[in-house]
mmCIF file of all heavy atoms, coordinates in Angstrom:
data_MODEL
# 
_entry.id   MODEL 
# 
loop_
_atom_site.group_PDB 
_atom_site.id 
_atom_site.type_symbol 
_atom_site.label_atom_id 
_atom_site.label_alt_id 
_atom_site.label_comp_id 
_atom_site.label_asym_id 
_atom_site.label_entity_id 
_atom_site.label_seq_id 
_atom_site.pdbx_PDB_ins_code 
_atom_site.Cartn_x 
_atom_site.Cartn_y 
_atom_site.Cartn_z 
_atom_site.occupancy 
_atom_site.B_iso_or_equiv 
_atom_site.pdbx_formal_charge 
_atom_site.auth_seq_id 
_atom_site.auth_comp_id 
_atom_site.auth_asym_id 
_atom_site.auth_atom_id 
_atom_site.pdbx_PDB_model_num 
ATOM 1   N N   . LEU A 1 1  ? 123.520 86.494  95.423  1.00 0.00 ? 1  LEU A N   1 
ATOM 2   C CA  . LEU A 1 1  ? 122.481 85.577  95.876  1.00 0.00 ? 1  LEU A CA  1 
ATOM 3   C C   . LEU A 1 1  ? 121.317 86.328  96.495  1.00 0.00 ? 1  LEU A C   1 
ATOM 4   O O   . LEU A 1 1  ? 120.151 86.001  96.267  1.00 0.00 ? 1  LEU A O   1 
ATOM 5   C CB  . LEU A 1 1  ? 123.072 84.587  96.885  1.00 0.00 ? 1  LEU A CB  1 
ATOM 6   C CG  . LEU A 1 1  ? 122.093 83.526  97.439  1.00 0.00 ? 1  LEU A CG  1 
ATOM 7   C CD1 . LEU A 1 1  ? 121.500 82.710  96.296  1.00 0.00 ? 1  LEU A CD1 1 
ATOM 8   C CD2 . LEU A 1 1  ? 122.811 82.623  98.435  1.00 0.00 ? 1  LEU A CD2 1 
ATOM 9   N N   . ALA A 1 2  ? 121.649 87.384  97.272  1.00 0.00 ? 2  ALA A N   1 
ATOM 10  C CA  . ALA A 1 2  ? 120.585 88.179  97.893  1.00 0.00 ? 2  ALA A CA  1 
ATOM 11  C C   . ALA A 1 2  ? 119.709 88.841  96.844  1.00 0.00 ? 2  ALA A C   1 
ATOM 12  O O   . ALA A 1 2  ? 118.496 88.961  97.000  1.00 0.00 ? 2  ALA A O   1 
ATOM 13  C CB  . ALA A 1 2  ? 121.200 89.242  98.800  1.00 0.00 ? 2  ALA A CB  1 
ATOM 14  N N   . PHE A 1 3  ? 120.347 89.290  95.730  1.00 0.00 ? 3  PHE A N   1 
ATOM 15  C CA  . PHE A 1 3  ? 119.569 89.923  94.654  1.00 0.00 ? 3  PHE A CA  1 
ATOM 16  C C   . PHE A 1 3  ? 118.560 88.944  94.077  1.00 0.00 ? 3  PHE A C   1 
ATOM 17  O O   . PHE A 1 3  ? 117.399 89.281  93.823  1.00 0.00 ? 3  PHE A O   1 
ATOM 18  C CB  . PHE A 1 3  ? 120.519 90.413  93.560  1.00 0.00 ? 3  PHE A CB  1 
ATOM 19  C CG  . PHE A 1 3  ? 119.821 91.075  92.415  1.00 0.00 ? 3  PHE A CG  1 
ATOM 20  C CD1 . PHE A 1 3  ? 119.476 92.412  92.500  1.00 0.00 ? 3  PHE A CD1 1 
ATOM 21  C CD2 . PHE A 1 3  ? 119.485 90.359  91.272  1.00 0.00 ? 3  PHE A CD2 1 
ATOM 22  C CE1 . PHE A 1 3  ? 118.816 93.031  91.453  1.00 0.00 ? 3  PHE A CE1 1 
ATOM 23  C CE2 . PHE A 1 3  ? 118.824 90.964  90.223  1.00 0.00 ? 3  PHE A CE2 1 
ATOM 24  C CZ  . PHE A 1 3  ? 118.493 92.302  90.307  1.00 0.00 ? 3  PHE A CZ  1 
ATOM 25  N N   . ILE A 1 4  ? 118.999 87.688  93.870  1.00 0.00 ? 4  ILE A N   1 
ATOM 26  C CA  . ILE A 1 4  ? 118.098 86.671  93.321  1.00 0.00 ? 4  ILE A CA  1 
ATOM 27  C C   . ILE A 1 4  ? 116.960 86.396  94.285  1.00 0.00 ? 4  ILE A C   1 
ATOM 28  O O   . ILE A 1 4  ? 115.790 86.331  93.907  1.00 0.00 ? 4  ILE A O   1 
ATOM 29  C CB  . ILE A 1 4  ? 118.887 85.377  93.019  1.00 0.00 ? 4  ILE A CB  1 
ATOM 30  C CG1 . ILE A 1 4  ? 119.923 85.647  91.917  1.00 0.00 ? 4  ILE A CG1 1 
ATOM 31  C CG2 . ILE A 1 4  ? 117.952 84.260  92.592  1.00 0.00 ? 4  ILE A CG2 1 
ATOM 32  C CD1 . ILE A 1 4  ? 120.899 84.506  91.695  1.00 0.00 ? 4  ILE A CD1 1 
ATOM 33  N N   . ILE A 1 5  ? 117.288 86.233  95.596  1.00 0.00 ? 5  ILE A N   1 
ATOM 34  C CA  . ILE A 1 5  ? 116.260 85.973  96.602  1.00 0.00 ? 5  ILE A CA  1 
ATOM 35  C C   . ILE A 1 5  ? 115.247 87.103  96.639  1.00 0.00 ? 5  ILE A C   1 
ATOM 36  O O   . ILE A 1 5  ? 114.040 86.902  96.654  1.00 0.00 ? 5  ILE A O   1 
ATOM 37  C CB  . ILE A 1 5  ? 116.900 85.787  97.996  1.00 0.00 ? 5  ILE A CB  1 
ATOM 38  C CG1 . ILE A 1 5  ? 117.747 84.517  98.024  1.00 0.00 ? 5  ILE A CG1 1 
ATOM 39  C CG2 . ILE A 1 5  ? 115.828 85.715  99.077  1.00 0.00 ? 5  ILE A CG2 1 
ATOM 40  C CD1 . ILE A 1 5  ? 118.562 84.360  99.295  1.00 0.00 ? 5  ILE A CD1 1 
ATOM 41  N N   . GLY A 1 6  ? 115.776 88.346  96.647  1.00 0.00 ? 6  GLY A N   1 
ATOM 42  C CA  . GLY A 1 6  ? 114.885 89.503  96.708  1.00 0.00 ? 6  GLY A CA  1 
ATOM 43  C C   . GLY A 1 6  ? 113.986 89.585  95.500  1.00 0.00 ? 6  GLY A C   1 
ATOM 44  O O   . GLY A 1 6  ? 112.797 89.874  95.597  1.00 0.00 ? 6  GLY A O   1 
ATOM 45  N N   . ALA A 1 7  ? 114.540 89.336  94.306  1.00 0.00 ? 7  ALA A N   1 
ATOM 46  C CA  . ALA A 1 7  ? 113.746 89.431  93.086  1.00 0.00 ? 7  ALA A CA  1 
ATOM 47  C C   . ALA A 1 7  ? 112.639 88.387  93.060  1.00 0.00 ? 7  ALA A C   1 
ATOM 48  O O   . ALA A 1 7  ? 111.494 88.676  92.698  1.00 0.00 ? 7  ALA A O   1 
ATOM 49  C CB  . ALA A 1 7  ? 114.663 89.276  91.870  1.00 0.00 ? 7  ALA A CB  1 
ATOM 50  N N   . VAL A 1 8  ? 112.973 87.143  93.454  1.00 0.00 ? 8  VAL A N   1 
ATOM 51  C CA  . VAL A 1 8  ? 111.962 86.081  93.476  1.00 0.00 ? 8  VAL A CA  1 
ATOM 52  C C   . VAL A 1 8  ? 110.867 86.390  94.491  1.00 0.00 ? 8  VAL A C   1 
ATOM 53  O O   . VAL A 1 8  ? 109.676 86.275  94.203  1.00 0.00 ? 8  VAL A O   1 
ATOM 54  C CB  . VAL A 1 8  ? 112.628 84.720  93.796  1.00 0.00 ? 8  VAL A CB  1 
ATOM 55  C CG1 . VAL A 1 8  ? 111.568 83.660  94.028  1.00 0.00 ? 8  VAL A CG1 1 
ATOM 56  C CG2 . VAL A 1 8  ? 113.543 84.312  92.654  1.00 0.00 ? 8  VAL A CG2 1 
ATOM 57  N N   . ALA A 1 9  ? 111.277 86.821  95.723  1.00 0.00 ? 9  ALA A N   1 
ATOM 58  C CA  . ALA A 1 9  ? 110.292 87.130  96.762  1.00 0.00 ? 9  ALA A CA  1 
ATOM 59  C C   . ALA A 1 9  ? 109.386 88.275  96.331  1.00 0.00 ? 9  ALA A C   1 
ATOM 60  O O   . ALA A 1 9  ? 108.181 88.272  96.564  1.00 0.00 ? 9  ALA A O   1 
ATOM 61  C CB  . ALA A 1 9  ? 111.002 87.477  98.069  1.00 0.00 ? 9  ALA A CB  1 
ATOM 62  N N   . PHE A 1 10 ? 109.995 89.282  95.691  1.00 0.00 ? 10 PHE A N   1 
ATOM 63  C CA  . PHE A 1 10 ? 109.212 90.434  95.219  1.00 0.00 ? 10 PHE A CA  1 
ATOM 64  C C   . PHE A 1 10 ? 108.172 89.982  94.203  1.00 0.00 ? 10 PHE A C   1 
ATOM 65  O O   . PHE A 1 10 ? 107.005 90.346  94.269  1.00 0.00 ? 10 PHE A O   1 
ATOM 66  C CB  . PHE A 1 10 ? 110.153 91.469  94.605  1.00 0.00 ? 10 PHE A CB  1 
ATOM 67  C CG  . PHE A 1 10 ? 109.464 92.724  94.158  1.00 0.00 ? 10 PHE A CG  1 
ATOM 68  C CD1 . PHE A 1 10 ? 109.342 93.785  95.039  1.00 0.00 ? 10 PHE A CD1 1 
ATOM 69  C CD2 . PHE A 1 10 ? 108.941 92.832  92.889  1.00 0.00 ? 10 PHE A CD2 1 
ATOM 70  C CE1 . PHE A 1 10 ? 108.692 94.935  94.642  1.00 0.00 ? 10 PHE A CE1 1 
ATOM 71  C CE2 . PHE A 1 10 ? 108.296 93.973  92.483  1.00 0.00 ? 10 PHE A CE2 1 
ATOM 72  C CZ  . PHE A 1 10 ? 108.173 95.029  93.354  1.00 0.00 ? 10 PHE A CZ  1 
ATOM 73  N N   . TRP A 1 11 ? 108.601 89.152  93.214  1.00 0.00 ? 11 TRP A N   1 
ATOM 74  C CA  . TRP A 1 11 ? 107.684 88.729  92.165  1.00 0.00 ? 11 TRP A CA  1 
ATOM 75  C C   . TRP A 1 11 ? 106.573 87.860  92.710  1.00 0.00 ? 11 TRP A C   1 
ATOM 76  O O   . TRP A 1 11 ? 105.395 88.049  92.391  1.00 0.00 ? 11 TRP A O   1 
ATOM 77  C CB  . TRP A 1 11 ? 108.456 87.971  91.086  1.00 0.00 ? 11 TRP A CB  1 
ATOM 78  C CG  . TRP A 1 11 ? 107.563 87.507  89.954  1.00 0.00 ? 11 TRP A CG  1 
ATOM 79  C CD1 . TRP A 1 11 ? 107.132 88.222  88.892  1.00 0.00 ? 11 TRP A CD1 1 
ATOM 80  C CD2 . TRP A 1 11 ? 106.992 86.197  89.817  1.00 0.00 ? 11 TRP A CD2 1 
ATOM 81  N NE1 . TRP A 1 11 ? 106.322 87.460  88.100  1.00 0.00 ? 11 TRP A NE1 1 
ATOM 82  C CE2 . TRP A 1 11 ? 106.217 86.206  88.640  1.00 0.00 ? 11 TRP A CE2 1 
ATOM 83  C CE3 . TRP A 1 11 ? 107.059 85.018  90.577  1.00 0.00 ? 11 TRP A CE3 1 
ATOM 84  C CZ2 . TRP A 1 11 ? 105.518 85.086  88.206  1.00 0.00 ? 11 TRP A CZ2 1 
ATOM 85  C CZ3 . TRP A 1 11 ? 106.371 83.906  90.145  1.00 0.00 ? 11 TRP A CZ3 1 
ATOM 86  C CH2 . TRP A 1 11 ? 105.604 83.952  88.968  1.00 0.00 ? 11 TRP A CH2 1 
ATOM 87  N N   . VAL A 1 12 ? 106.904 86.902  93.600  1.00 0.00 ? 12 VAL A N   1 
ATOM 88  C CA  . VAL A 1 12 ? 105.894 85.987  94.137  1.00 0.00 ? 12 VAL A CA  1 
ATOM 89  C C   . VAL A 1 12 ? 104.859 86.712  94.968  1.00 0.00 ? 12 VAL A C   1 
ATOM 90  O O   . VAL A 1 12 ? 103.656 86.507  94.822  1.00 0.00 ? 12 VAL A O   1 
ATOM 91  C CB  . VAL A 1 12 ? 106.574 84.880  95.001  1.00 0.00 ? 12 VAL A CB  1 
ATOM 92  C CG1 . VAL A 1 12 ? 105.539 84.091  95.766  1.00 0.00 ? 12 VAL A CG1 1 
ATOM 93  C CG2 . VAL A 1 12 ? 107.385 83.964  94.101  1.00 0.00 ? 12 VAL A CG2 1 
ATOM 94  N N   . PHE A 1 13 ? 105.343 87.623  95.857  1.00 0.00 ? 13 PHE A N   1 
ATOM 95  C CA  . PHE A 1 13 ? 104.397 88.236  96.809  1.00 0.00 ? 13 PHE A CA  1 
ATOM 96  C C   . PHE A 1 13 ? 103.572 89.357  96.200  1.00 0.00 ? 13 PHE A C   1 
ATOM 97  O O   . PHE A 1 13 ? 102.427 89.560  96.531  1.00 0.00 ? 13 PHE A O   1 
ATOM 98  C CB  . PHE A 1 13 ? 105.162 88.762  98.032  1.00 0.00 ? 13 PHE A CB  1 
ATOM 99  C CG  . PHE A 1 13 ? 104.234 89.262  99.104  1.00 0.00 ? 13 PHE A CG  1 
ATOM 100 C CD1 . PHE A 1 13 ? 103.468 88.370  99.828  1.00 0.00 ? 13 PHE A CD1 1 
ATOM 101 C CD2 . PHE A 1 13 ? 104.123 90.616  99.365  1.00 0.00 ? 13 PHE A CD2 1 
ATOM 102 C CE1 . PHE A 1 13 ? 102.615 88.821  100.811 1.00 0.00 ? 13 PHE A CE1 1 
ATOM 103 C CE2 . PHE A 1 13 ? 103.259 91.066  100.335 1.00 0.00 ? 13 PHE A CE2 1 
ATOM 104 C CZ  . PHE A 1 13 ? 102.514 90.167  101.065 1.00 0.00 ? 13 PHE A CZ  1 
ATOM 105 N N   . PHE A 1 14 ? 104.178 90.084  95.248  1.00 0.00 ? 14 PHE A N   1 
ATOM 106 C CA  . PHE A 1 14 ? 103.506 91.279  94.757  1.00 0.00 ? 14 PHE A CA  1 
ATOM 107 C C   . PHE A 1 14 ? 102.786 91.095  93.419  1.00 0.00 ? 14 PHE A C   1 
ATOM 108 O O   . PHE A 1 14 ? 102.208 92.041  92.911  1.00 0.00 ? 14 PHE A O   1 
ATOM 109 C CB  . PHE A 1 14 ? 104.511 92.429  94.626  1.00 0.00 ? 14 PHE A CB  1 
ATOM 110 C CG  . PHE A 1 14 ? 105.010 92.914  95.938  1.00 0.00 ? 14 PHE A CG  1 
ATOM 111 C CD1 . PHE A 1 14 ? 106.278 92.564  96.386  1.00 0.00 ? 14 PHE A CD1 1 
ATOM 112 C CD2 . PHE A 1 14 ? 104.219 93.694  96.758  1.00 0.00 ? 14 PHE A CD2 1 
ATOM 113 C CE1 . PHE A 1 14 ? 106.729 93.001  97.605  1.00 0.00 ? 14 PHE A CE1 1 
ATOM 114 C CE2 . PHE A 1 14 ? 104.677 94.129  97.974  1.00 0.00 ? 14 PHE A CE2 1 
ATOM 115 C CZ  . PHE A 1 14 ? 105.924 93.785  98.405  1.00 0.00 ? 14 PHE A CZ  1 
ATOM 116 N N   . ARG A 1 15 ? 102.841 89.886  92.808  1.00 0.00 ? 15 ARG A N   1 
ATOM 117 C CA  . ARG A 1 15 ? 102.237 89.757  91.487  1.00 0.00 ? 15 ARG A CA  1 
ATOM 118 C C   . ARG A 1 15 ? 100.731 89.976  91.534  1.00 0.00 ? 15 ARG A C   1 
ATOM 119 O O   . ARG A 1 15 ? 100.144 90.433  90.558  1.00 0.00 ? 15 ARG A O   1 
ATOM 120 C CB  . ARG A 1 15 ? 102.549 88.384  90.899  1.00 0.00 ? 15 ARG A CB  1 
ATOM 121 C CG  . ARG A 1 15 ? 101.968 87.204  91.684  1.00 0.00 ? 15 ARG A CG  1 
ATOM 122 C CD  . ARG A 1 15 ? 102.335 85.883  91.020  1.00 0.00 ? 15 ARG A CD  1 
ATOM 123 N NE  . ARG A 1 15 ? 101.827 84.749  91.763  1.00 0.00 ? 15 ARG A NE  1 
ATOM 124 C CZ  . ARG A 1 15 ? 101.954 83.497  91.361  1.00 0.00 ? 15 ARG A CZ  1 
ATOM 125 N NH1 . ARG A 1 15 ? 102.571 83.240  90.228  1.00 0.00 ? 15 ARG A NH1 1 
ATOM 126 N NH2 . ARG A 1 15 ? 101.470 82.515  92.082  1.00 0.00 ? 15 ARG A NH2 1 
ATOM 127 N N   . LYS A 1 16 ? 100.080 89.684  92.677  1.00 0.00 ? 16 LYS A N   1 
ATOM 128 C CA  . LYS A 1 16 ? 98.638  89.908  92.783  1.00 0.00 ? 16 LYS A CA  1 
ATOM 129 C C   . LYS A 1 16 ? 98.315  91.386  92.743  1.00 0.00 ? 16 LYS A C   1 
ATOM 130 O O   . LYS A 1 16 ? 97.276  91.802  92.235  1.00 0.00 ? 16 LYS A O   1 
ATOM 131 C CB  . LYS A 1 16 ? 98.104  89.297  94.079  1.00 0.00 ? 16 LYS A CB  1 
ATOM 132 C CG  . LYS A 1 16 ? 96.585  89.467  94.238  1.00 0.00 ? 16 LYS A CG  1 
ATOM 133 C CD  . LYS A 1 16 ? 96.071  88.739  95.455  1.00 0.00 ? 16 LYS A CD  1 
ATOM 134 C CE  . LYS A 1 16 ? 94.568  88.955  95.600  1.00 0.00 ? 16 LYS A CE  1 
ATOM 135 N NZ  . LYS A 1 16 ? 94.225  90.306  95.949  1.00 0.00 ? 16 LYS A NZ  1 
ATOM 136 N N   . ARG A 1 17 ? 99.214  92.230  93.268  1.00 0.00 ? 17 ARG A N   1 
ATOM 137 C CA  . ARG A 1 17 ? 98.946  93.671  93.278  1.00 0.00 ? 17 ARG A CA  1 
ATOM 138 C C   . ARG A 1 17 ? 98.809  94.219  91.867  1.00 0.00 ? 17 ARG A C   1 
ATOM 139 O O   . ARG A 1 17 ? 98.051  95.153  91.624  1.00 0.00 ? 17 ARG A O   1 
ATOM 140 C CB  . ARG A 1 17 ? 100.055 94.421  94.004  1.00 0.00 ? 17 ARG A CB  1 
ATOM 141 C CG  . ARG A 1 17 ? 99.913  94.382  95.493  1.00 0.00 ? 17 ARG A CG  1 
ATOM 142 C CD  . ARG A 1 17 ? 100.947 95.253  96.157  1.00 0.00 ? 17 ARG A CD  1 
ATOM 143 N NE  . ARG A 1 17 ? 100.648 96.665  95.955  1.00 0.00 ? 17 ARG A NE  1 
ATOM 144 C CZ  . ARG A 1 17 ? 101.486 97.629  96.326  1.00 0.00 ? 17 ARG A CZ  1 
ATOM 145 N NH1 . ARG A 1 17 ? 102.639 97.323  96.845  1.00 0.00 ? 17 ARG A NH1 1 
ATOM 146 N NH2 . ARG A 1 17 ? 101.174 98.894  96.141  1.00 0.00 ? 17 ARG A NH2 1 
ATOM 147 N N   . GLY A 1 18 ? 99.564  93.641  90.923  1.00 0.00 ? 18 GLY A N   1 
ATOM 148 C CA  . GLY A 1 18 ? 99.493  94.112  89.552  1.00 0.00 ? 18 GLY A CA  1 
ATOM 149 C C   . GLY A 1 18 ? 98.113  93.940  88.959  1.00 0.00 ? 18 GLY A C   1 
ATOM 150 O O   . GLY A 1 18 ? 97.675  94.721  88.124  1.00 0.00 ? 18 GLY A O   1 
ATOM 151 N N   . ARG A 1 19 ? 97.402  92.866  89.396  1.00 0.00 ? 19 ARG A N   1 
ATOM 152 C CA  . ARG A 1 19 ? 96.073  92.619  88.866  1.00 0.00 ? 19 ARG A CA  1 
ATOM 153 C C   . ARG A 1 19 ? 95.045  93.587  89.426  1.00 0.00 ? 19 ARG A C   1 
ATOM 154 O O   . ARG A 1 19 ? 93.973  93.766  88.866  1.00 0.00 ? 19 ARG A O   1 
ATOM 155 C CB  . ARG A 1 19 ? 95.643  91.184  89.212  1.00 0.00 ? 19 ARG A CB  1 
ATOM 156 C CG  . ARG A 1 19 ? 96.599  90.118  88.712  1.00 0.00 ? 19 ARG A CG  1 
ATOM 157 C CD  . ARG A 1 19 ? 95.963  88.744  88.888  1.00 0.00 ? 19 ARG A CD  1 
ATOM 158 N NE  . ARG A 1 19 ? 96.938  87.702  88.663  1.00 0.00 ? 19 ARG A NE  1 
ATOM 159 C CZ  . ARG A 1 19 ? 97.347  86.878  89.604  1.00 0.00 ? 19 ARG A CZ  1 
ATOM 160 N NH1 . ARG A 1 19 ? 96.883  86.995  90.818  1.00 0.00 ? 19 ARG A NH1 1 
ATOM 161 N NH2 . ARG A 1 19 ? 98.235  85.956  89.338  1.00 0.00 ? 19 ARG A NH2 1 
ATOM 162 N N   . ASP A 1 20 ? 95.371  94.179  90.582  1.00 0.00 ? 20 ASP A N   1 
ATOM 163 C CA  . ASP A 1 20 ? 94.381  95.022  91.263  1.00 0.00 ? 20 ASP A CA  1 
ATOM 164 C C   . ASP A 1 20 ? 94.689  96.499  91.131  1.00 0.00 ? 20 ASP A C   1 
ATOM 165 O O   . ASP A 1 20 ? 94.333  97.290  91.986  1.00 0.00 ? 20 ASP A O   1 
ATOM 166 C CB  . ASP A 1 20 ? 94.329  94.634  92.755  1.00 0.00 ? 20 ASP A CB  1 
ATOM 167 C CG  . ASP A 1 20 ? 93.854  93.215  92.948  1.00 0.00 ? 20 ASP A CG  1 
ATOM 168 O OD1 . ASP A 1 20 ? 93.107  92.701  92.097  1.00 0.00 ? 20 ASP A OD1 1 
ATOM 169 O OD2 . ASP A 1 20 ? 94.258  92.626  93.962  1.00 0.00 ? 20 ASP A OD2 1 
ATOM 170 N N   . SER A 1 21 ? 95.396  96.916  90.076  1.00 0.00 ? 21 SER A N   1 
ATOM 171 C CA  . SER A 1 21 ? 95.845  98.301  89.963  1.00 0.00 ? 21 SER A CA  1 
ATOM 172 C C   . SER A 1 21 ? 94.711  99.279  89.748  1.00 0.00 ? 21 SER A C   1 
ATOM 173 O O   . SER A 1 21 ? 94.895  100.485 89.856  1.00 0.00 ? 21 SER A O   1 
ATOM 174 C CB  . SER A 1 21 ? 96.856  98.422  88.816  1.00 0.00 ? 21 SER A CB  1 
ATOM 175 O OG  . SER A 1 21 ? 96.244  98.029  87.597  1.00 0.00 ? 21 SER A OG  1 
ATOM 176 N N   . ASP A 1 22 ? 93.513  98.773  89.396  1.00 0.00 ? 22 ASP A N   1 
ATOM 177 C CA  . ASP A 1 22 ? 92.383  99.668  89.159  1.00 0.00 ? 22 ASP A CA  1 
ATOM 178 C C   . ASP A 1 22 ? 91.475  99.762  90.361  1.00 0.00 ? 22 ASP A C   1 
ATOM 179 O O   . ASP A 1 22 ? 90.260  99.965  90.230  1.00 0.00 ? 22 ASP A O   1 
ATOM 180 C CB  . ASP A 1 22 ? 91.578  99.170  87.943  1.00 0.00 ? 22 ASP A CB  1 
ATOM 181 C CG  . ASP A 1 22 ? 92.401  99.270  86.664  1.00 0.00 ? 22 ASP A CG  1 
ATOM 182 O OD1 . ASP A 1 22 ? 93.208  100.224 86.545  1.00 0.00 ? 22 ASP A OD1 1 
ATOM 183 O OD2 . ASP A 1 22 ? 92.238  98.401  85.793  1.00 0.00 ? 22 ASP A OD2 1 
ATOM 184 N N   . ALA A 1 23 ? 92.026  99.599  91.598  1.00 0.00 ? 23 ALA A N   1 
ATOM 185 C CA  . ALA A 1 23 ? 91.206  99.657  92.809  1.00 0.00 ? 23 ALA A CA  1 
ATOM 186 C C   . ALA A 1 23 ? 90.495  100.994 92.914  1.00 0.00 ? 23 ALA A C   1 
ATOM 187 O O   . ALA A 1 23 ? 91.021  102.024 92.556  1.00 0.00 ? 23 ALA A O   1 
ATOM 188 C CB  . ALA A 1 23 ? 92.090  99.443  94.046  1.00 0.00 ? 23 ALA A CB  1 
ATOM 189 N N   . ALA A 1 24 ? 89.248  100.951 93.446  1.00 0.00 ? 24 ALA A N   1 
ATOM 190 C CA  . ALA A 1 24 ? 88.431  102.172 93.535  1.00 0.00 ? 24 ALA A CA  1 
ATOM 191 C C   . ALA A 1 24 ? 88.917  103.063 94.654  1.00 0.00 ? 24 ALA A C   1 
ATOM 192 O O   . ALA A 1 24 ? 89.508  102.612 95.620  1.00 0.00 ? 24 ALA A O   1 
ATOM 193 C CB  . ALA A 1 24 ? 86.970  101.788 93.766  1.00 0.00 ? 24 ALA A CB  1 
ATOM 194 N N   . THR A 1 25 ? 88.654  104.362 94.532  1.00 0.00 ? 25 THR A N   1 
ATOM 195 C CA  . THR A 1 25 ? 89.015  105.340 95.551  1.00 0.00 ? 25 THR A CA  1 
ATOM 196 C C   . THR A 1 25 ? 87.782  105.732 96.329  1.00 0.00 ? 25 THR A C   1 
ATOM 197 O O   . THR A 1 25 ? 86.795  106.162 95.755  1.00 0.00 ? 25 THR A O   1 
ATOM 198 C CB  . THR A 1 25 ? 89.626  106.587 94.898  1.00 0.00 ? 25 THR A CB  1 
ATOM 199 O OG1 . THR A 1 25 ? 90.762  106.182 94.149  1.00 0.00 ? 25 THR A OG1 1 
ATOM 200 C CG2 . THR A 1 25 ? 90.032  107.596 95.949  1.00 0.00 ? 25 THR A CG2 1 
ATOM 201 N N   . ASP A 1 26 ? 87.825  105.579 97.639  1.00 0.00 ? 26 ASP A N   1 
ATOM 202 C CA  . ASP A 1 26 ? 86.706  105.935 98.498  1.00 0.00 ? 26 ASP A CA  1 
ATOM 203 C C   . ASP A 1 26 ? 86.597  107.455 98.604  1.00 0.00 ? 26 ASP A C   1 
ATOM 204 O O   . ASP A 1 26 ? 87.576  108.140 98.838  1.00 0.00 ? 26 ASP A O   1 
ATOM 205 C CB  . ASP A 1 26 ? 86.935  105.350 99.903  1.00 0.00 ? 26 ASP A CB  1 
ATOM 206 C CG  . ASP A 1 26 ? 85.770  105.614 100.811 1.00 0.00 ? 26 ASP A CG  1 
ATOM 207 O OD1 . ASP A 1 26 ? 85.760  106.689 101.438 1.00 0.00 ? 26 ASP A OD1 1 
ATOM 208 O OD2 . ASP A 1 26 ? 84.889  104.753 100.887 1.00 0.00 ? 26 ASP A OD2 1 
# 
């Protein structure tokens, strides 16, 4: 059950990061 909870939480919270993978470097 913990694996399922962790996987869902990971996908929900971090999916936006995937869209921003080309962030600029200062």
